[in-house]
Amino acid sequence: MKNLIGIPARLDNFYQRQREVDLVDRSLSNGNNIQIAAPRRVGKTSILCYLLDNSVSGRHYVYIDTESVTESYQFYKKMLEAIVRSPVISKTVKLAAGLKDKSGRFFNKIKSISILNNSVEFNNDMAPRDYHAEFYHFLLAYAEAEETPLVLLIDEFPQTIQNIGNTDPATAVVFLQQNREIRLDPVVSQKVRFVYTGSIGLNQTVAALNATATINDLASLEVKPLTEEEALDLFHLLLRQEQRTADNSGNAAFKEMVRWFIPFHIQLVVQEALLISQPGTVITRQKIVSAIKEVLSLKHKNHFAHYHTRLKMHFKNGAFLYAEEFLKQLATRKRLDKTAAAALATTCRVTDYRLVIENLIYDGYIEFDDDSQNYLFNSPILMRWWELHIC
């Protein structure tokens, strides 16, 4: 297992997340379309890639990242192209036969696809097309011709919605309605499933458009950070690959100073621990302290600065000022109660501050501790980075 930083872990580099894989698998088996709800860097994309790489339960999986899409026609074109160019789809015999002789009632409506040597090919010419209609008719044709379920793994879908709605929010609502109609089509729904995820919240993105009815058919599955036991296992596994071990003091410091066990933070800590040690070294508390000090240095600015820049993208005007000040005070004071949160909203002249807090919780910045009735940073590492570089 390689210690890969910031990119999806695949094949031997994927730390087995059987709990999450089984959760998605069961939900798909029950006939659901899914939104995977989880904060950034928790490993959502790696889980999608595991489904893809292992053809879990014998389904056909196609992964599509739609973050760069800015118009709805681009989304449907990119989806159709990714499906057709997928190795498992391009060689499907029944689909190719139906397209070749136009035997299916939907095949003659698909102009973007051709047959070459009995394989399905995407025809990427410049002729104007209704890609929404072509995508829909292709899924109808697939559902009629194929027996194996098709699962579309769509990453960064909430960002796509934001991009499409930037100039005219109404276009994003229409886009969401079109997607819902396709998902619920009585023919398509027999063989095609949709799994959506992204680094911003789908619920919050759609709620901002007053369009929650367009996703009320989706089953929402939560992907949580690793358990303490899993985190220690991954920590030791990555160290062992480089001929290091950790003693009890190192383990205790790791648990205390990382606490929010997302793979990304574990990988960063291990990377720095390796840089300050030699093969055969025992990683002690002091080495964990030194490693985390390096994680928080400016050389890792690219790994953490996005947490602040995302606030500017996600919140506008007073909402941004409230979110920024809330996190500054939380980083300095370590905890804030509901009274302090409300008082800060008055100072910032923000009335919908609860929605801001809800977004910060979903996006993995903070949590609300029921025992102490206080807001806390999820991650001690992120809290210290905020205190050092933002406050």
Protein backbone atom coordinates (compact mmCIF):
# COMPACT_ATOMS: atom_id res chain seq x y z
CA MET A 1 0.00 0.00 0.00
CA LYS A 2 1.46 3.32 -1.09
CA ASN A 3 0.89 6.42 1.00
CA LEU A 4 -0.93 8.49 -1.63
CA ILE A 5 -1.73 12.06 -0.61
CA GLY A 6 -4.81 13.82 -1.94
CA ILE A 7 -5.78 11.44 -4.74
CA PRO A 8 -8.27 8.56 -4.73
CA ALA A 9 -6.80 5.30 -3.41
CA ARG A 10 -7.40 2.39 -5.77
CA LEU A 11 -6.71 -1.34 -5.89
CA ASP A 12 -3.92 -2.29 -3.44
CA ASN A 13 -3.69 1.29 -2.18
CA PHE A 14 -7.31 1.31 -0.98
CA TYR A 15 -7.79 0.77 2.74
CA GLN A 16 -10.73 -1.61 2.90
CA ARG A 17 -13.93 0.21 3.92
CA GLN A 18 -16.18 -2.83 3.96
CA ARG A 19 -18.81 -1.17 6.14
CA GLU A 20 -19.34 1.62 3.62
CA VAL A 21 -19.06 -0.64 0.57
CA ASP A 22 -21.69 -2.99 2.03
CA LEU A 23 -23.94 -0.03 2.84
CA VAL A 24 -23.89 1.18 -0.78
CA ASP A 25 -24.21 -2.36 -2.13
CA ARG A 26 -27.30 -3.11 -0.02
CA SER A 27 -28.95 0.15 -0.95
CA LEU A 28 -28.39 -0.48 -4.67
CA SER A 29 -29.72 -4.04 -4.28
CA ASN A 30 -32.87 -2.56 -2.76
CA GLY A 31 -33.40 -0.51 -5.91
CA ASN A 32 -32.34 2.88 -4.56
CA ASN A 33 -30.66 5.82 -6.22
CA ILE A 34 -28.20 7.26 -3.72
CA GLN A 35 -26.56 10.41 -2.53
CA ILE A 36 -23.43 9.79 -0.45
CA ALA A 37 -23.25 12.41 2.27
CA ALA A 38 -19.82 12.99 3.76
CA PRO A 39 -17.36 15.81 4.37
CA ARG A 40 -14.41 16.50 2.11
CA ARG A 41 -11.42 14.15 2.25
CA VAL A 42 -13.25 11.35 4.06
CA GLY A 43 -12.69 8.93 1.18
CA LYS A 44 -15.92 9.07 -0.85
CA THR A 45 -14.24 8.94 -4.26
CA SER A 46 -12.02 6.03 -3.20
CA ILE A 47 -15.13 4.07 -2.22
CA LEU A 48 -16.71 4.79 -5.61
CA CYS A 49 -13.53 3.61 -7.31
CA TYR A 50 -13.58 0.40 -5.27
CA LEU A 51 -17.08 -0.35 -6.57
CA LEU A 52 -15.84 0.36 -10.09
CA ASP A 53 -12.61 -1.63 -9.86
CA ASN A 54 -14.26 -4.68 -8.32
CA SER A 55 -17.60 -4.74 -10.18
CA VAL A 56 -19.30 -5.29 -6.82
CA SER A 57 -22.30 -7.64 -7.09
CA GLY A 58 -21.66 -8.06 -10.82
CA ARG A 59 -23.02 -4.67 -11.83
CA HIS A 60 -21.63 -2.46 -14.59
CA TYR A 61 -20.19 0.67 -12.97
CA VAL A 62 -19.19 3.87 -14.77
CA TYR A 63 -17.42 6.69 -12.88
CA ILE A 64 -17.85 10.29 -14.08
CA ASP A 65 -16.39 13.44 -12.47
CA THR A 66 -18.59 16.38 -13.56
CA GLU A 67 -16.90 19.17 -11.58
CA SER A 68 -15.90 21.12 -14.71
CA VAL A 69 -19.39 21.07 -16.24
CA THR A 70 -20.95 24.53 -16.51
CA GLU A 71 -23.98 23.88 -18.74
CA SER A 72 -26.56 21.14 -18.63
CA TYR A 73 -25.92 19.91 -22.19
CA GLN A 74 -22.24 19.38 -21.22
CA PHE A 75 -23.35 17.16 -18.34
CA TYR A 76 -25.45 14.89 -20.55
CA LYS A 77 -22.76 14.77 -23.23
CA LYS A 78 -20.06 13.91 -20.69
CA MET A 79 -22.24 11.24 -19.11
CA LEU A 80 -23.09 9.65 -22.45
CA GLU A 81 -19.48 9.74 -23.61
CA ALA A 82 -18.17 8.20 -20.37
CA ILE A 83 -20.73 5.40 -20.50
CA VAL A 84 -20.09 4.56 -24.14
CA ARG A 85 -16.30 4.61 -23.70
CA SER A 86 -16.41 2.42 -20.61
CA PRO A 87 -14.82 -0.96 -21.44
CA VAL A 88 -17.71 -2.87 -19.85
CA ILE A 89 -20.29 -1.00 -21.94
CA SER A 90 -18.52 -0.69 -25.29
CA LYS A 91 -18.35 -4.49 -25.65
CA THR A 92 -21.92 -5.32 -24.63
CA VAL A 93 -23.16 -7.61 -27.36
CA LYS A 94 -26.90 -7.00 -27.12
CA LEU A 95 -26.49 -3.23 -26.99
CA ALA A 96 -24.14 -3.21 -29.99
CA ALA A 97 -26.48 -5.48 -31.96
CA GLY A 98 -29.48 -3.28 -31.26
CA LEU A 99 -27.63 -0.14 -32.28
CA LYS A 100 -26.26 -1.77 -35.40
CA ASP A 101 -29.57 -2.86 -36.86
CA LYS A 102 -31.74 -0.21 -35.12
CA SER A 103 -33.95 -3.02 -33.85
CA GLY A 104 -34.85 -1.27 -30.61
CA ARG A 105 -37.46 1.46 -30.61
CA PHE A 106 -35.04 3.91 -28.95
CA PHE A 107 -31.86 3.19 -30.90
CA ASN A 108 -32.74 5.24 -33.99
CA LYS A 109 -32.96 8.38 -31.81
CA ILE A 110 -29.31 8.21 -30.74
CA LYS A 111 -27.05 10.04 -33.18
CA SER A 112 -23.97 10.34 -30.94
CA ILE A 113 -23.19 6.63 -31.06
CA SER A 114 -21.92 4.43 -33.83
CA ILE A 115 -20.78 0.83 -34.16
CA LEU A 116 -17.20 -0.04 -35.07
CA ASN A 117 -16.15 -3.70 -35.20
CA ASN A 118 -19.21 -4.64 -33.15
CA SER A 119 -18.21 -2.20 -30.39
CA VAL A 120 -20.17 0.84 -29.27
CA GLU A 121 -18.32 4.08 -30.06
CA PHE A 122 -19.03 7.72 -29.18
CA ASN A 123 -19.38 9.98 -32.20
CA ASN A 124 -17.74 13.18 -31.02
CA ASP A 125 -18.42 15.41 -34.02
CA MET A 126 -19.53 19.02 -33.80
CA ALA A 127 -23.08 18.56 -35.05
CA PRO A 128 -25.62 20.23 -32.73
CA ARG A 129 -27.49 17.67 -30.67
CA ASP A 130 -29.99 17.41 -27.87
CA TYR A 131 -27.69 15.52 -25.51
CA HIS A 132 -30.32 15.36 -22.79
CA ALA A 133 -32.64 13.46 -25.14
CA GLU A 134 -29.80 11.25 -26.42
CA PHE A 135 -28.67 10.37 -22.89
CA TYR A 136 -32.23 9.53 -21.91
CA HIS A 137 -32.84 7.39 -25.00
CA PHE A 138 -29.55 5.57 -24.53
CA LEU A 139 -30.56 4.61 -20.98
CA LEU A 140 -33.94 3.45 -22.29
CA ALA A 141 -32.16 1.36 -24.92
CA TYR A 142 -29.77 -0.07 -22.33
CA ALA A 143 -32.65 -0.99 -20.02
CA GLU A 144 -34.43 -2.79 -22.84
CA ALA A 145 -31.38 -4.61 -24.22
CA GLU A 146 -29.24 -5.49 -21.21
CA GLU A 147 -29.76 -7.72 -18.18
CA THR A 148 -26.85 -6.43 -16.07
CA PRO A 149 -27.67 -3.34 -13.96
CA LEU A 150 -25.78 -0.17 -14.81
CA VAL A 151 -24.66 2.09 -11.94
CA LEU A 152 -23.54 5.65 -12.74
CA LEU A 153 -21.10 6.96 -10.12
CA ILE A 154 -21.34 10.74 -10.46
CA ASP A 155 -18.72 12.70 -8.52
CA GLU A 156 -18.89 16.45 -7.75
CA PHE A 157 -22.56 16.64 -8.70
CA PRO A 158 -23.36 19.47 -6.23
CA GLN A 159 -20.56 21.56 -7.77
CA THR A 160 -22.09 20.90 -11.18
CA ILE A 161 -25.42 22.26 -9.95
CA GLN A 162 -23.74 25.38 -8.60
CA ASN A 163 -21.86 25.90 -11.87
CA ILE A 164 -25.03 25.59 -13.96
CA GLY A 165 -26.98 27.90 -11.67
CA ASN A 166 -24.31 30.60 -11.35
CA THR A 167 -25.82 32.86 -14.01
CA ASP A 168 -29.43 31.74 -13.72
CA PRO A 169 -30.58 29.61 -10.76
CA ALA A 170 -33.74 28.64 -12.67
CA THR A 171 -31.64 26.67 -15.17
CA ALA A 172 -30.20 24.62 -12.31
CA VAL A 173 -33.70 23.81 -11.07
CA VAL A 174 -34.73 22.64 -14.54
CA PHE A 175 -31.56 20.54 -14.69
CA LEU A 176 -32.42 18.91 -11.35
CA GLN A 177 -35.97 18.23 -12.53
CA GLN A 178 -34.68 16.59 -15.71
CA ASN A 179 -32.38 14.32 -13.71
CA ARG A 180 -35.19 13.30 -11.41
CA GLU A 181 -37.47 12.48 -14.35
CA ILE A 182 -34.79 10.22 -15.82
CA ARG A 183 -34.17 8.44 -12.50
CA LEU A 184 -37.87 7.77 -12.02
CA ASP A 185 -38.63 6.70 -15.57
CA PRO A 186 -40.37 3.30 -15.31
CA VAL A 187 -38.12 1.74 -17.98
CA VAL A 188 -34.79 3.31 -17.02
CA SER A 189 -35.31 2.58 -13.33
CA GLN A 190 -35.47 -1.16 -14.01
CA LYS A 191 -31.80 -1.35 -14.95
CA VAL A 192 -30.03 1.95 -14.20
CA ARG A 193 -29.04 3.39 -10.82
CA PHE A 194 -27.46 6.75 -9.95
CA VAL A 195 -24.98 7.41 -7.13
CA TYR A 196 -24.15 11.07 -6.47
CA THR A 197 -21.47 12.55 -4.27
CA GLY A 198 -19.25 15.59 -4.01
CA SER A 199 -17.09 17.75 -1.80
CA ILE A 200 -19.98 20.10 -1.03
CA GLY A 201 -23.36 19.08 0.29
CA LEU A 202 -26.08 18.13 -2.19
CA ASN A 203 -28.88 18.84 0.29
CA GLN A 204 -27.54 22.30 1.08
CA THR A 205 -26.88 23.10 -2.58
CA VAL A 206 -30.40 22.13 -3.62
CA ALA A 207 -32.01 23.80 -0.60
CA ALA A 208 -30.41 27.10 -1.65
CA LEU A 209 -32.38 26.79 -4.90
CA ASN A 210 -35.63 25.95 -3.04
CA ALA A 211 -35.67 22.70 -5.03
CA THR A 212 -35.48 19.95 -2.39
CA ALA A 213 -38.37 18.11 -4.08
CA THR A 214 -36.03 17.32 -6.99
CA ILE A 215 -33.89 14.98 -4.85
CA ASN A 216 -36.45 13.55 -2.43
CA ASP A 217 -36.25 10.20 -4.24
CA LEU A 218 -32.60 9.68 -3.27
CA ALA A 219 -31.51 7.48 -0.39
CA SER A 220 -28.97 9.39 1.70
CA LEU A 221 -26.02 7.33 2.95
CA GLU A 222 -23.45 8.73 5.34
CA VAL A 223 -19.75 7.93 5.06
CA LYS A 224 -18.05 8.60 8.37
CA PRO A 225 -14.36 8.92 9.27
CA LEU A 226 -12.52 5.76 10.22
CA THR A 227 -13.07 4.34 13.68
CA GLU A 228 -10.20 4.62 16.13
CA GLU A 229 -9.38 0.96 15.60
CA GLU A 230 -9.37 1.36 11.80
CA ALA A 231 -7.31 4.53 12.02
CA LEU A 232 -4.63 2.85 14.13
CA ASP A 233 -4.61 -0.10 11.75
CA LEU A 234 -4.06 2.18 8.74
CA PHE A 235 -1.45 4.19 10.67
CA HIS A 236 0.54 1.05 11.51
CA LEU A 237 0.12 -0.40 8.03
CA LEU A 238 1.55 2.71 6.37
CA LEU A 239 4.44 2.83 8.86
CA ARG A 240 5.18 -0.85 8.43
CA GLN A 241 5.49 -0.41 4.66
CA GLU A 242 8.46 1.87 5.38
CA GLN A 243 9.98 -0.25 8.16
CA ARG A 244 8.76 1.87 11.07
CA THR A 245 6.73 1.00 14.15
CA ALA A 246 4.98 3.11 16.79
CA ASP A 247 5.19 2.64 20.56
CA ASN A 248 2.39 3.25 23.07
CA SER A 249 3.27 6.93 23.45
CA GLY A 250 3.20 7.38 19.68
CA ASN A 251 -0.15 5.63 19.41
CA ALA A 252 -1.60 7.77 22.21
CA ALA A 253 -0.34 10.99 20.63
CA PHE A 254 -1.71 9.96 17.24
CA LYS A 255 -5.18 9.32 18.69
CA GLU A 256 -5.17 12.53 20.72
CA MET A 257 -3.79 14.90 18.09
CA VAL A 258 -5.56 13.54 15.01
CA ARG A 259 -8.84 12.47 16.64
CA TRP A 260 -10.95 13.03 13.50
CA PHE A 261 -9.73 10.02 11.58
CA ILE A 262 -10.06 10.83 7.90
CA PRO A 263 -7.54 9.00 5.69
CA PHE A 264 -6.11 12.25 4.32
CA HIS A 265 -4.94 13.51 7.74
CA ILE A 266 -3.55 10.10 8.68
CA GLN A 267 -1.58 9.99 5.44
CA LEU A 268 -0.16 13.48 5.99
CA VAL A 269 0.99 12.63 9.52
CA VAL A 270 2.62 9.40 8.34
CA GLN A 271 4.36 11.21 5.48
CA GLU A 272 5.95 13.70 7.86
CA ALA A 273 6.81 11.00 10.42
CA LEU A 274 8.68 9.13 7.69
CA LEU A 275 10.59 12.25 6.66
CA ILE A 276 11.94 12.82 10.17
CA SER A 277 12.91 9.20 10.83
CA GLN A 278 14.99 6.39 9.40
CA PRO A 279 13.99 2.79 8.63
CA GLY A 280 13.85 0.81 11.84
CA THR A 281 12.84 3.87 13.89
CA VAL A 282 10.17 3.64 16.58
CA ILE A 283 7.68 6.49 16.24
CA THR A 284 7.23 8.05 19.68
CA ARG A 285 5.00 10.82 20.98
CA GLN A 286 7.70 13.37 20.28
CA LYS A 287 7.94 12.29 16.66
CA ILE A 288 4.15 12.57 16.26
CA VAL A 289 4.30 16.08 17.75
CA SER A 290 7.09 17.00 15.31
CA ALA A 291 5.25 15.41 12.37
CA ILE A 292 2.06 17.35 13.05
CA LYS A 293 4.07 20.55 13.43
CA GLU A 294 5.33 19.94 9.88
CA VAL A 295 1.79 19.14 8.66
CA LEU A 296 0.76 22.59 9.91
CA SER A 297 3.63 24.39 8.21
CA LEU A 298 3.25 26.55 5.12
CA LYS A 299 4.57 23.80 2.86
CA HIS A 300 1.17 22.14 3.24
CA LYS A 301 -0.79 25.32 2.56
CA ASN A 302 -2.21 23.80 -0.62
CA HIS A 303 -3.77 21.02 1.47
CA PHE A 304 -5.57 23.30 3.93
CA ALA A 305 -6.05 26.74 2.35
CA HIS A 306 -9.02 25.42 0.36
CA TYR A 307 -11.00 25.15 3.60
CA HIS A 308 -10.90 28.94 3.82
CA THR A 309 -11.34 29.69 0.12
CA ARG A 310 -14.36 27.40 0.01
CA LEU A 311 -16.07 29.67 2.54
CA LYS A 312 -15.80 32.53 0.05
CA MET A 313 -17.26 30.37 -2.69
CA HIS A 314 -20.06 28.87 -0.61
CA PHE A 315 -21.19 31.87 1.45
CA LYS A 316 -21.97 35.39 0.32
CA ASN A 317 -21.75 38.76 2.07
CA GLY A 318 -22.84 38.57 5.71
CA ALA A 319 -22.99 34.77 5.71
CA PHE A 320 -19.30 34.61 4.75
CA LEU A 321 -18.35 37.16 7.41
CA TYR A 322 -20.26 35.15 10.01
CA ALA A 323 -18.71 31.82 8.97
CA GLU A 324 -15.20 33.28 8.97
CA GLU A 325 -15.58 34.99 12.35
CA PHE A 326 -17.30 31.96 13.88
CA LEU A 327 -14.37 29.70 12.92
CA LYS A 328 -11.80 32.28 14.07
CA GLN A 329 -13.42 32.50 17.48
CA LEU A 330 -13.79 28.75 17.68
CA ALA A 331 -10.12 28.21 16.83
CA THR A 332 -9.07 30.73 19.49
CA ARG A 333 -11.50 29.74 22.23
CA LYS A 334 -11.62 26.00 21.36
CA ARG A 335 -15.39 25.85 21.89
CA LEU A 336 -18.50 28.01 21.46
CA ASP A 337 -21.96 27.46 22.89
CA LYS A 338 -25.26 28.30 21.22
CA THR A 339 -25.57 31.59 23.05
CA ALA A 340 -22.20 32.77 21.75
CA ALA A 341 -23.13 31.63 18.23
CA ALA A 342 -26.36 33.64 18.37
CA ALA A 343 -24.61 36.71 19.79
CA LEU A 344 -22.06 36.61 17.00
CA ALA A 345 -24.89 36.48 14.46
CA THR A 346 -26.30 39.69 15.92
CA THR A 347 -22.89 41.34 15.65
CA CYS A 348 -22.54 40.22 12.01
CA ARG A 349 -26.18 41.15 11.28
CA VAL A 350 -26.97 37.69 9.99
CA THR A 351 -30.43 36.19 10.53
CA ASP A 352 -29.96 32.76 8.91
CA TYR A 353 -26.84 31.88 10.90
CA ARG A 354 -28.22 28.43 11.75
CA LEU A 355 -28.04 27.53 8.05
CA VAL A 356 -24.39 28.64 7.99
CA ILE A 357 -23.64 26.43 10.99
CA GLU A 358 -25.49 23.51 9.40
CA ASN A 359 -23.30 23.87 6.31
CA LEU A 360 -20.13 24.02 8.41
CA ILE A 361 -21.16 20.82 10.16
CA TYR A 362 -21.94 19.01 6.92
CA ASP A 363 -18.73 20.14 5.24
CA GLY A 364 -16.65 18.70 8.07
CA TYR A 365 -15.42 21.87 9.77
CA ILE A 366 -17.25 21.54 13.06
CA GLU A 367 -19.45 19.32 15.21
CA PHE A 368 -21.89 19.95 18.05
CA ASP A 369 -21.02 18.05 21.21
CA ASP A 370 -24.24 17.00 22.95
CA ASP A 371 -22.53 16.39 26.29
CA SER A 372 -20.96 19.84 26.65
CA GLN A 373 -23.53 21.63 24.44
CA ASN A 374 -20.68 23.29 22.57
CA TYR A 375 -19.54 23.61 18.99
CA LEU A 376 -16.05 22.19 18.38
CA PHE A 377 -13.74 21.79 15.42
CA ASN A 378 -14.01 18.23 14.14
CA SER A 379 -10.29 18.04 13.59
CA PRO A 380 -7.66 19.28 16.06
CA ILE A 381 -5.32 19.56 13.07
CA LEU A 382 -7.69 21.86 11.18
CA MET A 383 -8.34 23.88 14.35
CA ARG A 384 -4.62 24.46 14.86
CA TRP A 385 -4.13 25.33 11.18
CA TRP A 386 -6.94 27.88 11.44
CA GLU A 387 -5.43 29.39 14.57
CA LEU A 388 -1.98 29.61 12.99
CA HIS A 389 -2.85 30.83 9.50
CA ILE A 390 -6.31 32.45 9.53
CA CYS A 391 -6.76 34.04 12.97
